[in-house]
Amino acid sequence: MNADDEQLLRGRVYGHDHDAPNPGPLPHQTYAALIGGPLDGLLLDITGWRPEEVDDGAALSTELTRWPGGRALYDPNPGEPRTPGPGVMCRFYYSGDTP
């Protein structure tokens, strides 16, 4: 894990309340770092996802999209390397919003 990944691990995990006792990542979980868009800087827990599920990206509910209550779309960059195991495995990049 490089210094950038360690910095990302200090971030919050998508879906955890900001005032939760421990909103950060857990050491044995696997995460995708969310880059850009309304959820920039959060980590998405992808523990247990199959490779094809990671390839599909994610549509994440948030009030911060163009459509309140809509979803922010995040996708991996094809060909970007993935680090197996716990920690930040990959990055998902913002690609738009959907109602």
C-alpha atoms as a PDB file:
ATOM      1  CA  MET A   1       0.000   0.000   0.000  1.00  0.00           C
ATOM      2  CA  ASN A   2       1.435   3.403  -0.936  1.00  0.00           C
ATOM      3  CA  ALA A   3       1.201   6.732   0.916  1.00  0.00           C
ATOM      4  CA  ASP A   4      -1.773   7.865  -1.221  1.00  0.00           C
ATOM      5  CA  ASP A   5      -3.715   4.735  -0.255  1.00  0.00           C
ATOM      6  CA  GLU A   6      -2.915   5.290   3.417  1.00  0.00           C
ATOM      7  CA  GLN A   7      -4.270   8.833   3.165  1.00  0.00           C
ATOM      8  CA  LEU A   8      -7.462   7.539   1.518  1.00  0.00           C
ATOM      9  CA  LEU A   9      -7.939   4.989   4.285  1.00  0.00           C
ATOM     10  CA  ARG A  10      -8.276   7.871   6.724  1.00  0.00           C
ATOM     11  CA  GLY A  11     -11.459   8.890   4.885  1.00  0.00           C
ATOM     12  CA  ARG A  12     -15.044   7.979   5.587  1.00  0.00           C
ATOM     13  CA  VAL A  13     -16.847   4.983   4.188  1.00  0.00           C
ATOM     14  CA  TYR A  14     -19.921   5.588   1.997  1.00  0.00           C
ATOM     15  CA  GLY A  15     -23.078   4.771   3.923  1.00  0.00           C
ATOM     16  CA  HIS A  16     -21.601   5.407   7.373  1.00  0.00           C
ATOM     17  CA  ASP A  17     -22.928   8.418   9.279  1.00  0.00           C
ATOM     18  CA  HIS A  18     -20.354  11.187   9.622  1.00  0.00           C
ATOM     19  CA  ASP A  19     -20.984  11.264  13.373  1.00  0.00           C
ATOM     20  CA  ALA A  20     -20.736   7.474  13.803  1.00  0.00           C
ATOM     21  CA  PRO A  21     -18.165   6.384  16.412  1.00  0.00           C
ATOM     22  CA  ASN A  22     -15.960   4.940  13.663  1.00  0.00           C
ATOM     23  CA  PRO A  23     -16.972   6.174  10.189  1.00  0.00           C
ATOM     24  CA  GLY A  24     -13.623   5.147   8.723  1.00  0.00           C
ATOM     25  CA  PRO A  25     -12.468   1.964   7.022  1.00  0.00           C
ATOM     26  CA  LEU A  26     -11.891  -1.336   8.791  1.00  0.00           C
ATOM     27  CA  PRO A  27      -8.516  -3.050   8.379  1.00  0.00           C
ATOM     28  CA  HIS A  28      -9.776  -6.320   6.858  1.00  0.00           C
ATOM     29  CA  GLN A  29     -12.266  -4.825   4.390  1.00  0.00           C
ATOM     30  CA  THR A  30     -11.697  -4.008   0.704  1.00  0.00           C
ATOM     31  CA  TYR A  31     -12.565  -0.582  -0.708  1.00  0.00           C
ATOM     32  CA  ALA A  32     -12.865   1.409  -3.912  1.00  0.00           C
ATOM     33  CA  ALA A  33     -11.872   5.060  -3.581  1.00  0.00           C
ATOM     34  CA  LEU A  34     -14.533   7.378  -5.052  1.00  0.00           C
ATOM     35  CA  ILE A  35     -12.953  10.050  -7.247  1.00  0.00           C
ATOM     36  CA  GLY A  36     -14.782  13.206  -8.357  1.00  0.00           C
ATOM     37  CA  GLY A  37     -18.460  14.070  -8.179  1.00  0.00           C
ATOM     38  CA  PRO A  38     -20.572  14.490  -5.059  1.00  0.00           C
ATOM     39  CA  LEU A  39     -19.004  11.580  -3.137  1.00  0.00           C
ATOM     40  CA  ASP A  40     -15.371  12.478  -3.875  1.00  0.00           C
ATOM     41  CA  GLY A  41     -13.007  11.249  -1.191  1.00  0.00           C
ATOM     42  CA  LEU A  42     -15.306   8.595   0.274  1.00  0.00           C
ATOM     43  CA  LEU A  43     -14.506   4.897   0.250  1.00  0.00           C
ATOM     44  CA  LEU A  44     -16.986   2.294  -1.007  1.00  0.00           C
ATOM     45  CA  ASP A  45     -16.871  -1.076   0.758  1.00  0.00           C
ATOM     46  CA  ILE A  46     -16.528  -3.690  -2.002  1.00  0.00           C
ATOM     47  CA  THR A  47     -15.598  -6.585   0.263  1.00  0.00           C
ATOM     48  CA  GLY A  48     -16.815  -9.803  -1.329  1.00  0.00           C
ATOM     49  CA  TRP A  49     -17.584  -8.275  -4.743  1.00  0.00           C
ATOM     50  CA  ARG A  50     -16.745 -10.526  -7.699  1.00  0.00           C
ATOM     51  CA  PRO A  51     -14.387  -9.029 -10.352  1.00  0.00           C
ATOM     52  CA  GLU A  52     -17.285  -8.555 -12.793  1.00  0.00           C
ATOM     53  CA  GLU A  53     -19.243  -6.633 -10.138  1.00  0.00           C
ATOM     54  CA  VAL A  54     -16.254  -4.327  -9.658  1.00  0.00           C
ATOM     55  CA  ASP A  55     -16.073  -3.919 -13.462  1.00  0.00           C
ATOM     56  CA  ASP A  56     -19.721  -2.752 -13.459  1.00  0.00           C
ATOM     57  CA  GLY A  57     -19.056   0.100 -11.026  1.00  0.00           C
ATOM     58  CA  ALA A  58     -21.784   1.447  -8.750  1.00  0.00           C
ATOM     59  CA  ALA A  59     -24.874   3.668  -8.719  1.00  0.00           C
ATOM     60  CA  LEU A  60     -24.870   5.195  -5.228  1.00  0.00           C
ATOM     61  CA  SER A  61     -27.859   6.888  -3.583  1.00  0.00           C
ATOM     62  CA  THR A  62     -27.200  10.441  -2.451  1.00  0.00           C
ATOM     63  CA  GLU A  63     -29.044  13.712  -1.944  1.00  0.00           C
ATOM     64  CA  LEU A  64     -26.081  15.490  -3.561  1.00  0.00           C
ATOM     65  CA  THR A  65     -26.873  14.649  -7.198  1.00  0.00           C
ATOM     66  CA  ARG A  66     -28.560  16.796  -9.806  1.00  0.00           C
ATOM     67  CA  TRP A  67     -31.748  14.974  -8.791  1.00  0.00           C
ATOM     68  CA  PRO A  68     -32.169  14.931  -4.993  1.00  0.00           C
ATOM     69  CA  GLY A  69     -32.638  11.333  -3.968  1.00  0.00           C
ATOM     70  CA  GLY A  70     -30.996  10.184  -7.185  1.00  0.00           C
ATOM     71  CA  ARG A  71     -27.840   8.206  -7.726  1.00  0.00           C
ATOM     72  CA  ALA A  72     -24.268   9.185  -8.477  1.00  0.00           C
ATOM     73  CA  LEU A  73     -22.637   6.861 -11.009  1.00  0.00           C
ATOM     74  CA  TYR A  74     -19.067   5.675 -10.441  1.00  0.00           C
ATOM     75  CA  ASP A  75     -17.051   3.389 -12.716  1.00  0.00           C
ATOM     76  CA  PRO A  76     -13.532   1.944 -12.709  1.00  0.00           C
ATOM     77  CA  ASN A  77     -11.091   2.942 -15.442  1.00  0.00           C
ATOM     78  CA  PRO A  78     -10.644  -0.038 -17.760  1.00  0.00           C
ATOM     79  CA  GLY A  79      -7.135  -1.388 -17.489  1.00  0.00           C
ATOM     80  CA  GLU A  80      -6.302   0.477 -14.283  1.00  0.00           C
ATOM     81  CA  PRO A  81      -4.425  -1.892 -11.960  1.00  0.00           C
ATOM     82  CA  ARG A  82      -6.158  -3.330  -8.909  1.00  0.00           C
ATOM     83  CA  THR A  83      -4.452  -4.272  -5.682  1.00  0.00           C
ATOM     84  CA  PRO A  84      -5.787  -7.566  -4.314  1.00  0.00           C
ATOM     85  CA  GLY A  85      -6.550  -7.937  -0.631  1.00  0.00           C
ATOM     86  CA  PRO A  86      -7.734  -5.590   2.077  1.00  0.00           C
ATOM     87  CA  GLY A  87      -7.379  -1.825   1.837  1.00  0.00           C
ATOM     88  CA  VAL A  88      -7.982   0.310  -1.258  1.00  0.00           C
ATOM     89  CA  MET A  89      -8.210  -2.134  -4.158  1.00  0.00           C
ATOM     90  CA  CYS A  90      -9.178   0.281  -6.939  1.00  0.00           C
ATOM     91  CA  ARG A  91     -10.650   3.644  -7.800  1.00  0.00           C
ATOM     92  CA  PHE A  92     -14.143   4.389  -9.114  1.00  0.00           C
ATOM     93  CA  TYR A  93     -14.474   7.628 -11.091  1.00  0.00           C
ATOM     94  CA  TYR A  94     -17.594   9.798 -11.213  1.00  0.00           C
ATOM     95  CA  SER A  95     -19.395   9.479 -14.552  1.00  0.00           C
ATOM     96  CA  GLY A  96     -22.703  11.309 -13.954  1.00  0.00           C
ATOM     97  CA  ASP A  97     -26.034  11.283 -12.160  1.00  0.00           C
ATOM     98  CA  THR A  98     -29.310   9.481 -12.664  1.00  0.00           C
ATOM     99  CA  PRO A  99     -32.731  10.064 -11.077  1.00  0.00           C
END
